[in-house]
């Protein structure tokens, strides 16, 4: 096998891992009603099955990348596959909520070792700028494809074999990638790996978990209850301690000084609101389509296809526009599209026309597709190359924080009408009406993204003078000069 063929085998192996991580997110969203009915869980408990995975992923992305640079990327990548597989088995056999959430936490640990590390492996192997650009384009398309396949594949598995099959299905993929990675993926390390920041890692995990916990449990226990007040205290204390620790570290987990730059701060905020909108859309749409409209998981997944298709098509187009006219135009397109998608469903009812639903998903997909490349470009613009990876890692973490917040906020809105659990199901009109503030939240996220566009660089100024960073929504890499 010649060297070029080997490089593309490495790309295929690593793309399969990102497909697995992306697939897991969308598949689980479609499975939530079925999980709730079997385990007799309400929406609030189901939120934890999604956010347990996301908050661990958000907390560990940067540390997993630094660990891989230090001890070996292939080694960490393969460990991540095994851990993700063990978590999948735990989910598949879970008899109750506690075991399911614990297994999802384990999946999050494994997922954090796959996304950033796999992309670092690809960049290390494919060094030619033209080939690397092609590889990054394929990587982004595969991530979009995972969004497209998730709802439909998940719906088909649930309809035929039940929700547990969703987790069993990942094991053959994991086994194949493990076998191929042993043969084709070379070991690599960073020439100067970053130091691990364990105190910062612990504090970041506490901070993210406390915020998500308060948002999920606050509506149930009361925002002024002793439990909630204690949660607020933990959030403030963890945030202050994290800032203090990061300011004193030579190589901190997060370089807080980056937030002094308005474009960077706006881009991180943009990453949060885009993934908040995306995950709120997935959760609200799943519950509405299956609980209110009575669609099967497969039919509900099919309704989301316009979103996945639009995201897949618009992602490479967005990268092209960033390279030609800068990040502001695609960010404006993203913000306007997300705002329209949310606004279309603000008045949703139990008989909203199917074309309106399809159009809303289409606009949401256009927004998500156009958002990722300009957000990453804005985050790293004006930075020296050695700081690009840190900035991209923070932006990737912000995406996962946004995902966790989206699930928590959207779930809190509909938890009341679903308080009796999904086994019995809420009144159709009650759940449909309860989702309306959530769709307004999605529209507001679009409007906030328009503000982020105003803080982004004008034209190609940033990208023309320094390496351009490509991003799939999970990890960032320097991809060569334009």
Protein backbone atom coordinates (compact mmCIF):
# COMPACT_ATOMS: atom_id res chain seq x y z
CA UNK A 1 0.00 0.00 0.00
CA UNK A 2 1.47 3.38 -1.01
CA UNK A 3 1.72 6.29 1.40
CA UNK A 4 -1.12 8.30 -0.12
CA UNK A 5 -3.55 5.39 0.16
CA UNK A 6 -2.50 4.88 3.76
CA UNK A 7 -3.21 8.53 4.57
CA UNK A 8 -6.75 8.26 3.23
CA UNK A 9 -7.28 5.08 5.22
CA UNK A 10 -6.37 7.06 8.33
CA UNK A 11 -8.90 9.72 7.34
CA UNK A 12 -11.61 7.08 6.84
CA UNK A 13 -10.89 5.53 10.24
CA UNK A 14 -10.96 8.87 12.04
CA UNK A 15 -14.07 10.05 10.19
CA UNK A 16 -15.84 6.88 11.29
CA UNK A 17 -15.16 7.83 14.91
CA UNK A 18 -16.62 11.32 14.49
CA UNK A 19 -19.61 9.76 12.72
CA UNK A 20 -20.09 7.56 15.77
CA UNK A 21 -19.98 10.51 18.20
CA UNK A 22 -22.34 12.63 16.08
CA UNK A 23 -24.69 9.72 15.51
CA UNK A 24 -24.94 9.01 19.22
CA UNK A 25 -26.29 12.50 19.95
CA UNK A 26 -29.08 12.50 17.38
CA UNK A 27 -29.99 8.85 17.86
CA UNK A 28 -30.48 9.31 21.60
CA UNK A 29 -32.73 12.33 21.06
CA UNK A 30 -35.06 10.24 18.89
CA UNK A 31 -35.02 7.44 21.49
CA UNK A 32 -36.01 9.63 24.44
CA UNK A 33 -39.80 8.99 24.32
CA UNK A 34 -39.24 5.24 24.05
CA UNK A 35 -36.77 5.29 26.95
CA UNK A 36 -39.22 7.32 29.01
CA UNK A 37 -42.09 4.93 28.40
CA UNK A 38 -40.11 1.80 29.30
CA UNK A 39 -38.33 3.19 32.35
CA UNK A 40 -41.30 5.41 33.34
CA UNK A 41 -39.30 8.64 33.26
CA UNK A 42 -40.47 12.21 32.88
CA UNK A 43 -38.80 14.84 30.74
CA UNK A 44 -36.61 16.09 33.58
CA UNK A 45 -35.08 12.66 34.12
CA UNK A 46 -34.63 12.24 30.37
CA UNK A 47 -32.71 15.51 30.24
CA UNK A 48 -30.02 13.89 32.38
CA UNK A 49 -29.60 11.03 29.91
CA UNK A 50 -28.59 13.60 27.28
CA UNK A 51 -26.78 16.18 29.41
CA UNK A 52 -24.75 13.63 31.39
CA UNK A 53 -22.97 12.82 28.12
CA UNK A 54 -22.70 16.41 26.96
CA UNK A 55 -21.41 18.01 30.14
CA UNK A 56 -18.62 15.43 30.50
CA UNK A 57 -17.71 15.91 26.85
CA UNK A 58 -17.63 19.69 27.35
CA UNK A 59 -15.47 19.43 30.46
CA UNK A 60 -12.87 17.02 29.09
CA UNK A 61 -12.33 18.08 25.45
CA UNK A 62 -9.31 20.28 26.10
CA UNK A 63 -7.72 17.95 28.65
CA UNK A 64 -8.15 14.90 26.40
CA UNK A 65 -6.41 16.73 23.58
CA UNK A 66 -3.54 17.74 25.86
CA UNK A 67 -3.26 14.20 27.23
CA UNK A 68 -3.09 12.77 23.70
CA UNK A 69 -0.32 15.21 22.77
CA UNK A 70 1.64 14.01 25.77
CA UNK A 71 1.15 10.20 25.90
CA UNK A 72 0.31 9.46 22.26
CA UNK A 73 -2.68 10.27 20.06
CA UNK A 74 -3.30 6.77 18.76
CA UNK A 75 -3.14 5.38 22.30
CA UNK A 76 -5.68 7.87 23.66
CA UNK A 77 -7.86 7.45 20.56
CA UNK A 78 -8.03 3.67 21.06
CA UNK A 79 -8.66 4.03 24.80
CA UNK A 80 -11.49 6.42 23.94
CA UNK A 81 -13.05 3.83 21.64
CA UNK A 82 -12.95 1.19 24.38
CA UNK A 83 -14.40 3.54 27.01
CA UNK A 84 -17.14 4.68 24.61
CA UNK A 85 -17.94 1.03 23.88
CA UNK A 86 -18.18 0.15 27.57
CA UNK A 87 -20.50 3.11 28.08
CA UNK A 88 -22.66 1.93 25.17
CA UNK A 89 -22.98 -1.53 26.73
CA UNK A 90 -23.96 0.06 30.04
CA UNK A 91 -26.67 2.11 28.30
CA UNK A 92 -27.98 -0.93 26.42
CA UNK A 93 -28.46 -3.02 29.59
CA UNK A 94 -29.46 -0.17 31.95
CA UNK A 95 -32.38 -1.23 34.17
CA UNK A 96 -33.05 2.23 35.57
CA UNK A 97 -32.17 5.92 35.35
CA UNK A 98 -29.12 5.79 37.63
CA UNK A 99 -27.34 3.14 35.58
CA UNK A 100 -28.29 4.85 32.32
CA UNK A 101 -26.91 8.23 33.43
CA UNK A 102 -23.71 6.62 34.74
CA UNK A 103 -23.22 4.85 31.42
CA UNK A 104 -23.82 8.09 29.53
CA UNK A 105 -21.15 9.75 31.68
CA UNK A 106 -18.76 6.99 30.63
CA UNK A 107 -19.68 7.54 26.98
CA UNK A 108 -18.87 11.23 27.43
CA UNK A 109 -15.40 10.40 28.74
CA UNK A 110 -14.78 8.20 25.72
CA UNK A 111 -16.24 10.74 23.30
CA UNK A 112 -13.90 13.45 24.60
CA UNK A 113 -10.96 11.23 23.56
CA UNK A 114 -12.30 10.71 20.04
CA UNK A 115 -13.31 14.07 18.57
CA UNK A 116 -10.24 16.29 19.12
CA UNK A 117 -7.73 13.45 19.02
CA UNK A 118 -8.98 11.96 15.76
CA UNK A 119 -8.74 15.31 14.01
CA UNK A 120 -5.22 15.84 15.38
CA UNK A 121 -4.26 12.44 13.94
CA UNK A 122 -5.61 13.42 10.51
CA UNK A 123 -3.75 16.73 10.51
CA UNK A 124 -0.53 15.01 11.56
CA UNK A 125 -0.75 12.44 8.77
CA UNK A 126 -2.06 14.62 5.90
CA UNK A 127 0.45 17.46 5.69
CA UNK A 128 -0.04 18.68 2.11
CA UNK A 129 -2.18 21.87 2.32
CA UNK A 130 -4.39 20.93 -0.64
CA UNK A 131 -4.97 17.37 0.57
CA UNK A 132 -5.55 18.62 4.09
CA UNK A 133 -8.20 21.06 2.90
CA UNK A 134 -9.95 18.20 1.11
CA UNK A 135 -9.69 16.05 4.23
CA UNK A 136 -11.21 18.76 6.44
CA UNK A 137 -14.06 19.15 3.94
CA UNK A 138 -14.73 15.41 4.07
CA UNK A 139 -14.55 15.52 7.87
CA UNK A 140 -17.19 18.28 8.03
CA UNK A 141 -19.42 16.44 5.56
CA UNK A 142 -19.22 13.23 7.63
CA UNK A 143 -20.28 15.12 10.75
CA UNK A 144 -23.26 16.49 8.83
CA UNK A 145 -24.04 13.02 7.55
CA UNK A 146 -24.14 11.72 11.12
CA UNK A 147 -26.84 14.32 11.85
CA UNK A 148 -28.77 13.16 8.82
CA UNK A 149 -28.46 9.45 9.54
CA UNK A 150 -29.07 9.64 13.28
CA UNK A 151 -32.82 10.32 13.43
CA UNK A 152 -33.70 7.94 10.58
CA UNK A 153 -31.35 5.13 11.62
CA UNK A 154 -32.35 5.53 15.24
CA UNK A 155 -36.03 5.52 14.31
CA UNK A 156 -35.60 2.33 12.28
CA UNK A 157 -33.71 0.57 15.09
CA UNK A 158 -36.26 1.62 17.71
CA UNK A 159 -39.20 0.58 15.54
CA UNK A 160 -37.71 -2.85 14.85
CA UNK A 161 -35.70 -3.76 17.95
CA UNK A 162 -36.41 -1.19 20.66
CA UNK A 163 -34.37 1.70 22.05
CA UNK A 164 -31.62 -0.52 23.49
CA UNK A 165 -30.60 -1.47 19.95
CA UNK A 166 -29.50 2.14 19.45
CA UNK A 167 -26.61 1.53 21.86
CA UNK A 168 -25.81 -2.03 20.79
CA UNK A 169 -25.45 -0.82 17.18
CA UNK A 170 -22.30 1.17 17.98
CA UNK A 171 -20.31 -1.89 19.08
CA UNK A 172 -19.59 -3.34 15.59
CA UNK A 173 -18.43 0.10 14.45
CA UNK A 174 -16.14 0.44 17.47
CA UNK A 175 -14.68 -3.04 16.92
CA UNK A 176 -13.96 -2.30 13.26
CA UNK A 177 -12.28 1.04 14.02
CA UNK A 178 -10.18 -0.55 16.77
CA UNK A 179 -8.94 -3.25 14.42
CA UNK A 180 -8.17 -0.87 11.54
CA UNK A 181 -6.50 1.73 13.78
CA UNK A 182 -4.05 -0.91 15.00
CA UNK A 183 -2.92 -1.47 11.41
CA UNK A 184 -3.09 1.92 9.69
CA UNK A 185 -2.92 4.71 12.29
CA UNK A 186 0.64 5.72 13.31
CA UNK A 187 1.47 6.88 16.81
CA UNK A 188 2.22 10.60 17.17
CA UNK A 189 2.84 13.17 19.88
CA UNK A 190 3.22 16.93 20.04
CA UNK A 191 6.76 18.26 19.87
CA UNK A 192 6.01 20.38 22.95
CA UNK A 193 2.89 19.05 24.69
CA UNK A 194 0.94 21.35 26.99
CA UNK A 195 1.01 20.65 30.70
CA UNK A 196 -2.09 19.07 32.20
CA UNK A 197 -4.08 21.47 34.38
CA UNK A 198 -5.81 19.11 36.81
CA UNK A 199 -7.07 21.79 39.26
CA UNK A 200 -8.53 23.74 36.37
CA UNK A 201 -10.09 20.58 34.96
CA UNK A 202 -11.81 19.73 38.25
CA UNK A 203 -13.13 23.27 38.71
CA UNK A 204 -14.40 23.48 35.13
CA UNK A 205 -16.24 20.16 35.55
CA UNK A 206 -17.85 21.36 38.80
CA UNK A 207 -18.86 24.66 37.19
CA UNK A 208 -20.48 23.12 34.11
CA UNK A 209 -22.21 20.38 36.12
CA UNK A 210 -23.59 22.87 38.66
CA UNK A 211 -25.01 25.16 35.97
CA UNK A 212 -26.71 22.25 34.18
CA UNK A 213 -28.00 20.78 37.46
CA UNK A 214 -29.60 24.05 38.52
CA UNK A 215 -31.25 24.52 35.13
CA UNK A 216 -32.65 20.99 35.10
CA UNK A 217 -33.73 20.70 38.74
CA UNK A 218 -34.59 24.36 39.40
CA UNK A 219 -38.13 24.19 37.95
CA UNK A 220 -38.88 21.13 40.12
CA UNK A 221 -37.47 22.27 43.47
CA UNK A 222 -38.10 26.01 43.01
CA UNK A 223 -35.68 28.75 42.02
CA UNK A 224 -35.67 30.17 45.58
CA UNK A 225 -35.39 26.85 47.39
CA UNK A 226 -32.44 26.01 49.62
CA UNK A 227 -31.23 23.50 47.02
CA UNK A 228 -31.19 26.14 44.27
CA UNK A 229 -29.51 28.76 46.47
CA UNK A 230 -26.84 26.21 47.31
CA UNK A 231 -26.42 25.56 43.58
CA UNK A 232 -25.95 29.28 42.90
CA UNK A 233 -23.28 29.42 45.60
CA UNK A 234 -21.42 26.49 44.06
CA UNK A 235 -21.54 28.13 40.62
CA UNK A 236 -20.15 31.44 41.90
CA UNK A 237 -17.46 29.78 44.02
CA UNK A 238 -16.37 27.44 41.21
CA UNK A 239 -16.26 30.30 38.68
CA UNK A 240 -14.15 32.51 40.96
CA UNK A 241 -11.80 29.67 41.87
CA UNK A 242 -11.45 28.65 38.23
CA UNK A 243 -10.58 32.21 37.17
CA UNK A 244 -8.03 32.49 39.99
CA UNK A 245 -6.36 29.17 39.17
CA UNK A 246 -6.22 29.92 35.45
CA UNK A 247 -4.68 33.35 36.05
CA UNK A 248 -1.83 31.78 38.04
CA UNK A 249 -1.01 28.85 35.73
CA UNK A 250 1.82 29.09 33.19
CA UNK A 251 -0.15 26.82 30.82
CA UNK A 252 -3.76 27.05 31.95
CA UNK A 253 -6.61 24.89 30.72
CA UNK A 254 -8.17 28.05 29.29
CA UNK A 255 -6.27 31.25 28.52
CA UNK A 256 -8.68 33.74 30.04
CA UNK A 257 -6.72 36.59 28.50
CA UNK A 258 -8.21 35.61 25.15
CA UNK A 259 -11.58 36.87 26.39
CA UNK A 260 -10.22 40.43 26.38
CA UNK A 261 -10.59 40.33 22.59
CA UNK A 262 -14.15 41.20 21.60
CA UNK A 263 -14.18 39.00 18.46
CA UNK A 264 -13.05 35.98 20.47
CA UNK A 265 -15.59 36.55 23.26
CA UNK A 266 -18.35 37.06 20.70
CA UNK A 267 -17.36 33.90 18.85
CA UNK A 268 -17.43 31.81 22.04
CA UNK A 269 -20.85 33.26 22.83
CA UNK A 270 -21.92 32.47 19.27
CA UNK A 271 -20.81 28.86 19.67
CA UNK A 272 -22.94 28.57 22.81
CA UNK A 273 -26.09 30.04 21.25
CA UNK A 274 -25.84 27.99 18.01
CA UNK A 275 -25.64 24.68 19.83
CA UNK A 276 -28.18 25.81 22.39
CA UNK A 277 -30.60 26.45 19.51
CA UNK A 278 -29.72 23.16 17.79
CA UNK A 279 -30.23 20.97 20.85
CA UNK A 280 -33.37 22.79 21.96
CA UNK A 281 -34.74 22.17 18.46
CA UNK A 282 -33.87 18.47 18.62
CA UNK A 283 -35.45 17.93 22.04
CA UNK A 284 -38.57 20.04 21.50
CA UNK A 285 -39.09 18.59 18.03
CA UNK A 286 -38.67 14.99 19.18
CA UNK A 287 -41.20 15.34 22.00
CA UNK A 288 -43.67 17.25 19.84
CA UNK A 289 -43.56 14.89 16.87
CA UNK A 290 -43.84 11.70 18.91
CA UNK A 291 -45.95 12.78 21.89
CA UNK A 292 -48.27 15.34 20.30
CA UNK A 293 -48.48 14.23 16.69
CA UNK A 294 -48.19 10.52 17.50
CA UNK A 295 -45.51 9.82 14.89
CA UNK A 296 -43.34 6.73 15.13
CA UNK A 297 -39.63 7.25 15.88
CA UNK A 298 -38.85 6.51 12.21
CA UNK A 299 -41.41 9.00 10.90
CA UNK A 300 -40.27 11.63 13.41
CA UNK A 301 -36.69 11.13 12.26
CA UNK A 302 -37.73 11.57 8.64
CA UNK A 303 -39.30 14.96 9.44
CA UNK A 304 -35.90 16.23 10.65
CA UNK A 305 -34.13 15.33 7.41
CA UNK A 306 -34.38 18.87 5.92
CA UNK A 307 -32.33 20.16 8.87
CA UNK A 308 -29.61 17.55 8.48
CA UNK A 309 -29.51 17.90 4.69
CA UNK A 310 -29.24 21.69 4.87
CA UNK A 311 -26.48 21.53 7.49
CA UNK A 312 -24.50 19.07 5.35
CA UNK A 313 -24.81 21.19 2.20
CA UNK A 314 -24.23 24.59 3.83
CA UNK A 315 -21.17 23.64 5.93
CA UNK A 316 -18.70 23.46 3.01
CA UNK A 317 -20.34 26.47 1.36
CA UNK A 318 -19.82 28.41 4.58
CA UNK A 319 -16.12 27.53 4.59
CA UNK A 320 -15.87 28.72 0.98
CA UNK A 321 -17.52 32.06 1.87
CA UNK A 322 -15.27 32.57 4.89
CA UNK A 323 -12.25 32.15 2.62
CA UNK A 324 -13.61 34.55 0.00
CA UNK A 325 -15.49 37.30 1.86
CA UNK A 326 -14.74 36.69 5.54
CA UNK A 327 -16.93 35.42 8.39
CA UNK A 328 -19.50 38.21 8.63
CA UNK A 329 -21.74 37.20 5.71
CA UNK A 330 -22.10 33.50 6.62
CA UNK A 331 -22.70 34.47 10.26
CA UNK A 332 -25.50 36.78 9.20
CA UNK A 333 -27.00 34.04 7.06
CA UNK A 334 -26.74 31.67 10.02
CA UNK A 335 -28.34 34.07 12.48
CA UNK A 336 -31.18 35.04 10.16
CA UNK A 337 -31.93 31.40 9.29
CA UNK A 338 -32.01 30.22 12.92
CA UNK A 339 -34.23 33.16 13.85
CA UNK A 340 -36.67 32.34 11.04
CA UNK A 341 -36.68 28.64 11.97
CA UNK A 342 -37.60 29.43 15.57
CA UNK A 343 -40.13 32.10 14.63
CA UNK A 344 -42.03 29.70 12.35
CA UNK A 345 -42.91 27.53 15.35
CA UNK A 346 -43.57 30.17 18.01
CA UNK A 347 -47.30 29.63 17.51
CA UNK A 348 -47.11 25.83 17.18
CA UNK A 349 -50.22 23.82 17.94
CA UNK A 350 -51.30 20.20 17.89
CA UNK A 351 -52.24 20.47 14.19
CA UNK A 352 -49.50 22.69 12.77
CA UNK A 353 -49.13 21.94 9.06
CA UNK A 354 -46.33 19.57 8.10
CA UNK A 355 -44.85 22.00 5.51
CA UNK A 356 -44.38 24.55 8.30
CA UNK A 357 -42.51 21.98 10.40
CA UNK A 358 -40.32 20.98 7.46
CA UNK A 359 -39.57 24.62 6.65
CA UNK A 360 -38.60 25.32 10.28
CA UNK A 361 -36.19 22.36 10.30
CA UNK A 362 -34.78 23.47 6.95
CA UNK A 363 -33.99 26.99 8.21
CA UNK A 364 -32.49 25.59 11.42
CA UNK A 365 -30.21 23.34 9.36
CA UNK A 366 -29.15 26.23 7.13
CA UNK A 367 -28.25 28.24 10.23
CA UNK A 368 -26.23 25.47 11.85
CA UNK A 369 -24.46 24.71 8.58
CA UNK A 370 -23.39 28.31 8.00
CA UNK A 371 -22.38 28.97 11.63
CA UNK A 372 -19.47 26.67 12.45
CA UNK A 373 -16.74 27.84 10.06
CA UNK A 374 -17.14 31.61 10.67
CA UNK A 375 -17.38 31.14 14.45
CA UNK A 376 -14.06 29.30 14.51
CA UNK A 377 -12.48 31.79 12.12
CA UNK A 378 -13.62 34.68 14.33
CA UNK A 379 -12.33 32.95 17.45
CA UNK A 380 -8.79 32.52 16.11
CA UNK A 381 -8.45 35.63 13.93
CA UNK A 382 -5.47 37.75 14.87
CA UNK A 383 -3.86 35.05 17.02
CA UNK A 384 -0.42 33.52 16.43
CA UNK A 385 -0.54 29.89 15.23
CA UNK A 386 0.63 28.46 18.55
CA UNK A 387 -2.49 29.86 20.26
CA UNK A 388 -4.95 28.77 17.59
CA UNK A 389 -5.41 25.29 19.01
CA UNK A 390 -6.21 26.70 22.47
CA UNK A 391 -8.73 29.15 21.02
CA UNK A 392 -10.32 26.44 18.89
CA UNK A 393 -10.49 24.11 21.89
CA UNK A 394 -12.31 26.75 23.93
CA UNK A 395 -14.76 27.30 21.07
CA UNK A 396 -15.37 23.54 20.87
CA UNK A 397 -15.98 23.40 24.60
CA UNK A 398 -18.42 26.30 24.28
CA UNK A 399 -20.39 24.31 21.71
CA UNK A 400 -20.86 21.45 24.15
CA UNK A 401 -21.80 23.84 26.96
CA UNK A 402 -24.41 25.30 24.61
CA UNK A 403 -25.70 21.80 23.86
CA UNK A 404 -26.09 21.04 27.57
CA UNK A 405 -27.84 24.36 28.20
CA UNK A 406 -30.17 23.80 25.25
CA UNK A 407 -31.33 20.46 26.63
CA UNK A 408 -31.69 21.85 30.16
CA UNK A 409 -33.63 24.97 29.16
CA UNK A 410 -35.89 23.26 26.63
CA UNK A 411 -36.54 20.38 29.00
CA UNK A 412 -37.44 22.75 31.81
CA UNK A 413 -40.11 24.36 29.62
CA UNK A 414 -41.92 21.11 28.83
CA UNK A 415 -41.28 19.21 32.07
CA UNK A 416 -44.48 20.53 33.66
CA UNK A 417 -46.89 19.21 31.01
CA UNK A 418 -44.99 15.92 31.08
CA UNK A 419 -44.83 15.61 34.83
CA UNK A 420 -46.75 12.39 34.80
CA UNK A 421 -44.05 10.69 32.78
CA UNK A 422 -43.96 9.78 29.13
CA UNK A 423 -45.61 6.45 29.63
CA UNK A 424 -49.02 8.06 29.89
CA UNK A 425 -48.18 11.09 27.78
CA UNK A 426 -49.32 14.68 28.37
CA UNK A 427 -52.32 16.32 26.75
CA UNK A 428 -51.38 17.12 23.19
CA UNK A 429 -52.35 20.75 23.35
CA UNK A 430 -50.57 21.22 26.70
CA UNK A 431 -47.21 19.99 25.44
CA UNK A 432 -47.52 21.84 22.13
CA UNK A 433 -48.21 25.11 23.97
CA UNK A 434 -45.39 24.41 26.44
CA UNK A 435 -42.86 24.24 23.60
CA UNK A 436 -43.69 27.74 22.31
CA UNK A 437 -41.30 29.63 24.65
CA UNK A 438 -38.63 27.16 23.54
CA UNK A 439 -39.11 28.09 19.91
CA UNK A 440 -38.97 31.76 20.93
CA UNK A 441 -35.65 30.96 22.63
CA UNK A 442 -34.39 29.46 19.36
CA UNK A 443 -35.39 32.63 17.49
CA UNK A 444 -33.62 34.78 20.10
CA UNK A 445 -30.47 32.68 19.62
CA UNK A 446 -30.61 33.59 15.92
CA UNK A 447 -30.87 37.27 16.78
CA UNK A 448 -27.90 37.00 19.16
CA UNK A 449 -25.88 35.39 16.38
CA UNK A 450 -26.54 38.47 14.24
CA UNK A 451 -24.87 40.51 17.00
CA UNK A 452 -21.91 38.13 16.94
CA UNK A 453 -21.61 38.81 13.20
CA UNK A 454 -21.12 42.51 13.95
CA UNK A 455 -18.11 41.69 16.14
CA UNK A 456 -16.48 39.44 13.56
CA UNK A 457 -13.67 40.60 11.24
CA UNK A 458 -14.60 42.28 7.98
CA UNK A 459 -13.42 40.67 4.71
CA UNK A 460 -10.54 38.20 4.51
CA UNK A 461 -8.21 40.24 6.68
CA UNK A 462 -7.84 37.59 9.38
CA UNK A 463 -7.69 34.57 7.16
CA UNK A 464 -5.30 36.00 4.55
CA UNK A 465 -2.44 36.66 6.94
CA UNK A 466 -2.37 33.54 9.05
CA UNK A 467 -3.30 29.87 9.05
CA UNK A 468 -7.00 29.19 8.75
CA UNK A 469 -8.58 26.99 11.35
CA UNK A 470 -11.19 24.50 10.23
CA UNK A 471 -13.81 23.14 12.59
CA UNK A 472 -16.49 20.48 12.46
CA UNK A 473 -18.23 21.57 15.60
CA UNK A 474 -16.18 19.28 17.80
CA UNK A 475 -12.50 20.18 17.38
CA UNK A 476 -10.30 22.71 15.70
CA UNK A 477 -7.05 22.42 13.77
CA UNK A 478 -4.75 24.63 11.78
CA UNK A 479 -5.32 23.65 8.19
CA UNK A 480 -2.72 25.54 6.19
CA UNK A 481 -2.52 28.92 4.47
CA UNK A 482 -4.87 30.42 1.98
